[in-house]
C-alpha atoms as a PDB file:
ATOM      1  CA  MET A   1      -1.018   2.153  21.552  1.00  0.00           C
ATOM      2  CA  ILE A   2      -4.448   3.444  21.868  1.00  0.00           C
ATOM      3  CA  LYS A   3      -6.336   3.170  18.336  1.00  0.00           C
ATOM      4  CA  ASP A   4      -6.119   5.936  15.602  1.00  0.00           C
ATOM      5  CA  SER A   5      -4.724   8.085  18.647  1.00  0.00           C
ATOM      6  CA  LEU A   6      -0.569   7.248  19.334  1.00  0.00           C
ATOM      7  CA  ILE A   7       2.161   4.161  19.411  1.00  0.00           C
ATOM      8  CA  TRP A   8       4.159   5.019  22.593  1.00  0.00           C
ATOM      9  CA  PHE A   9       6.999   2.291  22.919  1.00  0.00           C
ATOM     10  CA  ASN A  10      11.056   2.197  24.806  1.00  0.00           C
ATOM     11  CA  PHE A  11      14.051   0.334  23.461  1.00  0.00           C
ATOM     12  CA  LYS A  12      15.784  -1.106  26.163  1.00  0.00           C
ATOM     13  CA  LYS A  13      18.669  -3.551  26.997  1.00  0.00           C
ATOM     14  CA  ILE A  14      19.167  -5.167  29.706  1.00  0.00           C
ATOM     15  CA  SER A  15      16.544  -3.099  31.692  1.00  0.00           C
ATOM     16  CA  ILE A  16      17.892   0.249  30.609  1.00  0.00           C
ATOM     17  CA  GLU A  17      15.946   2.049  28.640  1.00  0.00           C
ATOM     18  CA  GLY A  18      17.764   3.888  25.389  1.00  0.00           C
ATOM     19  CA  ALA A  19      15.597   6.183  23.808  1.00  0.00           C
ATOM     20  CA  ARG A  20      11.872   6.236  24.205  1.00  0.00           C
ATOM     21  CA  GLY A  21       9.438   7.597  21.661  1.00  0.00           C
ATOM     22  CA  LEU A  22       6.375   8.467  20.599  1.00  0.00           C
ATOM     23  CA  VAL A  23       4.070   8.827  17.382  1.00  0.00           C
ATOM     24  CA  THR A  24       1.326  10.319  16.081  1.00  0.00           C
ATOM     25  CA  PRO A  25      -0.780  10.096  12.826  1.00  0.00           C
ATOM     26  CA  ASP A  26       1.023  13.829  12.217  1.00  0.00           C
ATOM     27  CA  THR A  27       4.160  13.744  13.758  1.00  0.00           C
ATOM     28  CA  PHE A  28       7.072  11.323  15.840  1.00  0.00           C
ATOM     29  CA  THR A  29       8.953  12.116  18.586  1.00  0.00           C
ATOM     30  CA  MET A  30      12.256   9.785  20.140  1.00  0.00           C
ATOM     31  CA  ILE A  31      14.290  10.700  23.226  1.00  0.00           C
ATOM     32  CA  TYR A  32      17.687   9.360  23.493  1.00  0.00           C
ATOM     33  CA  ARG A  33      18.759   8.863  26.891  1.00  0.00           C
ATOM     34  CA  GLN A  34      21.788   7.729  27.201  1.00  0.00           C
ATOM     35  CA  GLU A  35      22.259  11.253  24.439  1.00  0.00           C
ATOM     36  CA  LYS A  36      20.248  13.279  26.765  1.00  0.00           C
ATOM     37  CA  MET A  37      18.634  15.190  23.477  1.00  0.00           C
ATOM     38  CA  TYR A  38      15.893  14.986  21.456  1.00  0.00           C
ATOM     39  CA  GLU A  39      14.130  15.175  17.570  1.00  0.00           C
ATOM     40  CA  LYS A  40      10.665  15.481  16.947  1.00  0.00           C
ATOM     41  CA  GLY A  41       9.144  15.788  13.549  1.00  0.00           C
ATOM     42  CA  ASN A  42       6.624  15.696  10.977  1.00  0.00           C
ATOM     43  CA  LEU A  43       6.062  11.938  10.243  1.00  0.00           C
ATOM     44  CA  GLN A  44       4.968  11.639   6.578  1.00  0.00           C
ATOM     45  CA  ASP A  45       8.347  12.621   6.166  1.00  0.00           C
ATOM     46  CA  LEU A  46      10.544  10.586   8.340  1.00  0.00           C
ATOM     47  CA  LEU A  47       8.908   7.518   6.648  1.00  0.00           C
ATOM     48  CA  ASP A  48       9.277   9.204   2.967  1.00  0.00           C
ATOM     49  CA  HIS A  49      12.389   9.510   3.602  1.00  0.00           C
ATOM     50  CA  TYR A  50      13.234   6.094   4.925  1.00  0.00           C
ATOM     51  CA  GLU A  51      10.884   5.507   1.117  1.00  0.00           C
ATOM     52  CA  LEU A  52       8.151   3.410   3.510  1.00  0.00           C
ATOM     53  CA  PRO A  53       4.838   2.847   1.752  1.00  0.00           C
ATOM     54  CA  LEU A  54       3.347   2.905   4.835  1.00  0.00           C
ATOM     55  CA  THR A  55       0.270   5.049   6.550  1.00  0.00           C
ATOM     56  CA  PHE A  56      -0.066   5.404  10.200  1.00  0.00           C
ATOM     57  CA  SER A  57      -2.874   3.719   9.903  1.00  0.00           C
ATOM     58  CA  GLU A  58      -1.035   0.928   8.275  1.00  0.00           C
ATOM     59  CA  ILE A  59       1.878   1.043  10.505  1.00  0.00           C
ATOM     60  CA  GLN A  60      -0.318   0.666  14.457  1.00  0.00           C
ATOM     61  CA  PHE A  61      -2.100  -2.555  12.509  1.00  0.00           C
ATOM     62  CA  TYR A  62       1.724  -3.941  10.840  1.00  0.00           C
ATOM     63  CA  ILE A  63       2.004  -3.624  15.028  1.00  0.00           C
ATOM     64  CA  ALA A  64      -0.605  -5.281  16.393  1.00  0.00           C
ATOM     65  CA  GLY A  65      -0.752  -8.725  14.758  1.00  0.00           C
ATOM     66  CA  ASN A  66      -3.125  -8.236  11.199  1.00  0.00           C
ATOM     67  CA  ILE A  67      -2.397  -8.978   7.622  1.00  0.00           C
ATOM     68  CA  PRO A  68      -3.701  -7.919   4.901  1.00  0.00           C
ATOM     69  CA  ILE A  69      -5.519  -9.881   3.088  1.00  0.00           C
ATOM     70  CA  PRO A  70      -5.243 -10.908  -0.660  1.00  0.00           C
ATOM     71  CA  HIS A  71      -8.319 -10.440  -3.223  1.00  0.00           C
ATOM     72  CA  GLU A  72      -8.968 -14.612  -3.306  1.00  0.00           C
ATOM     73  CA  LYS A  73      -9.004 -14.716  -7.137  1.00  0.00           C
ATOM     74  CA  THR A  74      -5.362 -13.676  -6.791  1.00  0.00           C
ATOM     75  CA  LEU A  75      -4.566 -16.002  -5.110  1.00  0.00           C
ATOM     76  CA  THR A  76      -2.123 -18.992  -6.050  1.00  0.00           C
ATOM     77  CA  TYR A  77      -0.086 -21.487  -3.846  1.00  0.00           C
ATOM     78  CA  LYS A  78       3.297 -22.796  -3.040  1.00  0.00           C
ATOM     79  CA  ARG A  79       4.892 -26.079  -1.957  1.00  0.00           C
ATOM     80  CA  ASN A  80       9.062 -26.201  -1.104  1.00  0.00           C
ATOM     81  CA  GLU A  81       9.613 -29.059   0.765  1.00  0.00           C
ATOM     82  CA  ASP A  82       8.127 -28.449   4.464  1.00  0.00           C
ATOM     83  CA  GLU A  83       7.259 -24.254   3.994  1.00  0.00           C
ATOM     84  CA  TYR A  84       4.182 -23.589   2.107  1.00  0.00           C
ATOM     85  CA  TYR A  85       3.361 -19.936   0.656  1.00  0.00           C
ATOM     86  CA  LEU A  86       0.224 -18.221  -0.460  1.00  0.00           C
ATOM     87  CA  LEU A  87       1.077 -15.305  -2.816  1.00  0.00           C
ATOM     88  CA  GLY A  88      -1.834 -12.549  -3.887  1.00  0.00           C
ATOM     89  CA  SER A  89      -2.730  -9.328  -4.416  1.00  0.00           C
ATOM     90  CA  ASN A  90      -4.939  -6.219  -3.059  1.00  0.00           C
ATOM     91  CA  ALA A  91      -4.892  -3.074  -4.589  1.00  0.00           C
ATOM     92  CA  GLN A  92      -2.300  -2.058  -2.767  1.00  0.00           C
ATOM     93  CA  TYR A  93       0.961  -4.676  -3.210  1.00  0.00           C
ATOM     94  CA  SER A  94       1.369  -7.971  -3.378  1.00  0.00           C
ATOM     95  CA  LEU A  95       1.681  -9.933  -1.158  1.00  0.00           C
ATOM     96  CA  ARG A  96       3.321 -13.641   0.020  1.00  0.00           C
ATOM     97  CA  TYR A  97       2.661 -15.354   3.628  1.00  0.00           C
ATOM     98  CA  ALA A  98       4.686 -18.180   4.425  1.00  0.00           C
ATOM     99  CA  PHE A  99       3.478 -21.199   6.758  1.00  0.00           C
ATOM    100  CA  ASP A 100       5.235 -23.427   8.477  1.00  0.00           C
ATOM    101  CA  ARG A 101       3.622 -27.390   8.214  1.00  0.00           C
ATOM    102  CA  HIS A 102       1.540 -27.012  10.801  1.00  0.00           C
ATOM    103  CA  LEU A 103       0.488 -23.769   8.004  1.00  0.00           C
ATOM    104  CA  ASN A 104       1.334 -21.377  11.530  1.00  0.00           C
ATOM    105  CA  LEU A 105       2.467 -17.965  10.183  1.00  0.00           C
ATOM    106  CA  LYS A 106       5.641 -17.990   9.488  1.00  0.00           C
ATOM    107  CA  ALA A 107       6.071 -14.808   7.614  1.00  0.00           C
ATOM    108  CA  PHE A 108       4.787 -11.740   5.628  1.00  0.00           C
ATOM    109  CA  SER A 109       5.202  -9.536   2.991  1.00  0.00           C
ATOM    110  CA  LEU A 110       4.103  -6.569   1.275  1.00  0.00           C
ATOM    111  CA  THR A 111       5.019  -4.584  -2.087  1.00  0.00           C
ATOM    112  CA  ASP A 112       4.422  -1.601  -3.266  1.00  0.00           C
ATOM    113  CA  ALA A 113       3.787   0.012  -6.892  1.00  0.00           C
ATOM    114  CA  GLN A 114       7.509   1.179  -6.775  1.00  0.00           C
ATOM    115  CA  ASN A 115       8.855  -1.849  -6.353  1.00  0.00           C
ATOM    116  CA  ARG A 116       8.924  -1.516  -1.982  1.00  0.00           C
ATOM    117  CA  LYS A 117       9.346  -3.637  -0.002  1.00  0.00           C
ATOM    118  CA  LEU A 118       8.681  -4.642   4.091  1.00  0.00           C
ATOM    119  CA  THR A 119       8.682  -7.817   5.624  1.00  0.00           C
ATOM    120  CA  ILE A 120       7.213  -9.278   8.062  1.00  0.00           C
ATOM    121  CA  GLU A 121       7.871 -12.268  10.739  1.00  0.00           C
ATOM    122  CA  LEU A 122       6.390 -13.108  13.315  1.00  0.00           C
ATOM    123  CA  LYS A 123       7.056 -15.850  16.583  1.00  0.00           C
ATOM    124  CA  ASP A 124       6.510 -16.782  20.032  1.00  0.00           C
ATOM    125  CA  LYS A 125       2.531 -17.040  19.498  1.00  0.00           C
ATOM    126  CA  ASN A 126       0.371 -17.112  22.269  1.00  0.00           C
ATOM    127  CA  GLU A 127      -2.746 -19.037  22.227  1.00  0.00           C
ATOM    128  CA  GLU A 128      -4.466 -17.917  24.165  1.00  0.00           C
ATOM    129  CA  GLN A 129      -4.584 -14.766  23.114  1.00  0.00           C
ATOM    130  CA  GLY A 130      -3.772 -15.956  19.305  1.00  0.00           C
ATOM    131  CA  ILE A 131      -0.952 -13.361  19.617  1.00  0.00           C
ATOM    132  CA  TYR A 132       2.306 -12.974  17.679  1.00  0.00           C
ATOM    133  CA  MET A 133       4.303 -12.276  20.826  1.00  0.00           C
ATOM    134  CA  GLY A 134       7.373 -11.472  18.374  1.00  0.00           C
ATOM    135  CA  ARG A 135       7.511  -9.318  15.285  1.00  0.00           C
ATOM    136  CA  LYS A 136      10.840  -8.445  13.232  1.00  0.00           C
ATOM    137  CA  LEU A 137      10.648  -6.315  10.480  1.00  0.00           C
ATOM    138  CA  TYR A 138      13.041  -5.312   7.737  1.00  0.00           C
ATOM    139  CA  PHE A 139      12.593  -3.207   5.041  1.00  0.00           C
ATOM    140  CA  PRO A 140      15.374  -1.747   2.522  1.00  0.00           C
ATOM    141  CA  TYR A 141      15.502   1.684   2.193  1.00  0.00           C
ATOM    142  CA  ASP A 142      18.608   2.130  -0.712  1.00  0.00           C
ATOM    143  CA  ASP A 143      20.129  -0.346  -3.114  1.00  0.00           C
ATOM    144  CA  PHE A 144      23.124  -0.575   0.391  1.00  0.00           C
ATOM    145  CA  HIS A 145      20.698  -0.178   3.720  1.00  0.00           C
ATOM    146  CA  ALA A 146      17.559  -1.859   4.952  1.00  0.00           C
ATOM    147  CA  GLY A 147      16.771  -1.266   8.290  1.00  0.00           C
ATOM    148  CA  LYS A 148      15.285  -3.751  10.809  1.00  0.00           C
ATOM    149  CA  LEU A 149      12.489  -2.687  13.825  1.00  0.00           C
ATOM    150  CA  GLU A 150      11.848  -6.485  15.860  1.00  0.00           C
ATOM    151  CA  ILE A 151       9.657  -6.496  18.435  1.00  0.00           C
ATOM    152  CA  ASN A 152       8.954  -8.670  21.161  1.00  0.00           C
ATOM    153  CA  LEU A 153       5.987  -8.076  23.257  1.00  0.00           C
ATOM    154  CA  SER A 154       6.069  -9.787  27.177  1.00  0.00           C
ATOM    155  CA  ASN A 155       1.860  -8.203  28.057  1.00  0.00           C
ATOM    156  CA  VAL A 156      -0.832  -7.678  25.847  1.00  0.00           C
ATOM    157  CA  GLU A 157      -3.907  -5.924  27.816  1.00  0.00           C
ATOM    158  CA  ILE A 158      -6.725  -5.271  25.682  1.00  0.00           C
ATOM    159  CA  ASP A 159      -8.927  -2.270  26.702  1.00  0.00           C
ATOM    160  CA  VAL A 160      -6.586  -1.355  30.214  1.00  0.00           C
ATOM    161  CA  PRO A 161      -6.160   2.434  30.549  1.00  0.00           C
ATOM    162  CA  LYS A 162      -2.683   2.864  31.300  1.00  0.00           C
ATOM    163  CA  ASN A 163      -1.394   5.998  32.060  1.00  0.00           C
ATOM    164  CA  MET A 164       1.338   6.984  29.879  1.00  0.00           C
ATOM    165  CA  PRO A 165       3.814   9.596  31.104  1.00  0.00           C
ATOM    166  CA  PHE A 166       5.509  11.688  27.404  1.00  0.00           C
ATOM    167  CA  SER A 167       8.373  14.588  28.154  1.00  0.00           C
ATOM    168  CA  ILE A 168      11.666  15.792  27.026  1.00  0.00           C
ATOM    169  CA  PRO A 169      13.379  17.442  29.850  1.00  0.00           C
ATOM    170  CA  SER A 170      14.008  20.514  30.026  1.00  0.00           C
ATOM    171  CA  HIS A 171      18.082  20.148  29.349  1.00  0.00           C
ATOM    172  CA  TYR A 172      17.685  17.921  26.160  1.00  0.00           C
ATOM    173  CA  ASN A 173      19.100  19.364  23.428  1.00  0.00           C
ATOM    174  CA  ARG A 174      17.740  19.084  20.213  1.00  0.00           C
ATOM    175  CA  TYR A 175      18.649  17.354  17.089  1.00  0.00           C
END
């Protein structure tokens, strides 16, 4: 990931790459290795199709493990046995944070004005780097369907130049 420029990712199962993707502030490209197919399109059209109330910057923000901050005057607190909840809002979202009994952040959710909700669960905190290595994002996109994206980081390096080759093989067909 390069801030404000791109998100590069691949999906693997048992060390076999199934898909590779590149997202820029304006476009997305997905390559499906098993099908020998690819798709390209406008990022905003993709976000609108799934009714995701996010911008490219927000996607990077959440992938990086950042959380939105509520206005202090909107905060309320709840406790339920071994869990604690902080509720609040900012200019864009109603926000809900869930903490364990040691006050480690477990999850947070954002709900926009159209009542669309994104929930992000956090796991496997790397204490040395202060980064959660795992994230699960849930986003319902209609009354019957929901999307789920699970991210497991295996290595995080900051400000280390990387070679990120991304090309569509000429024999792949477009969806």
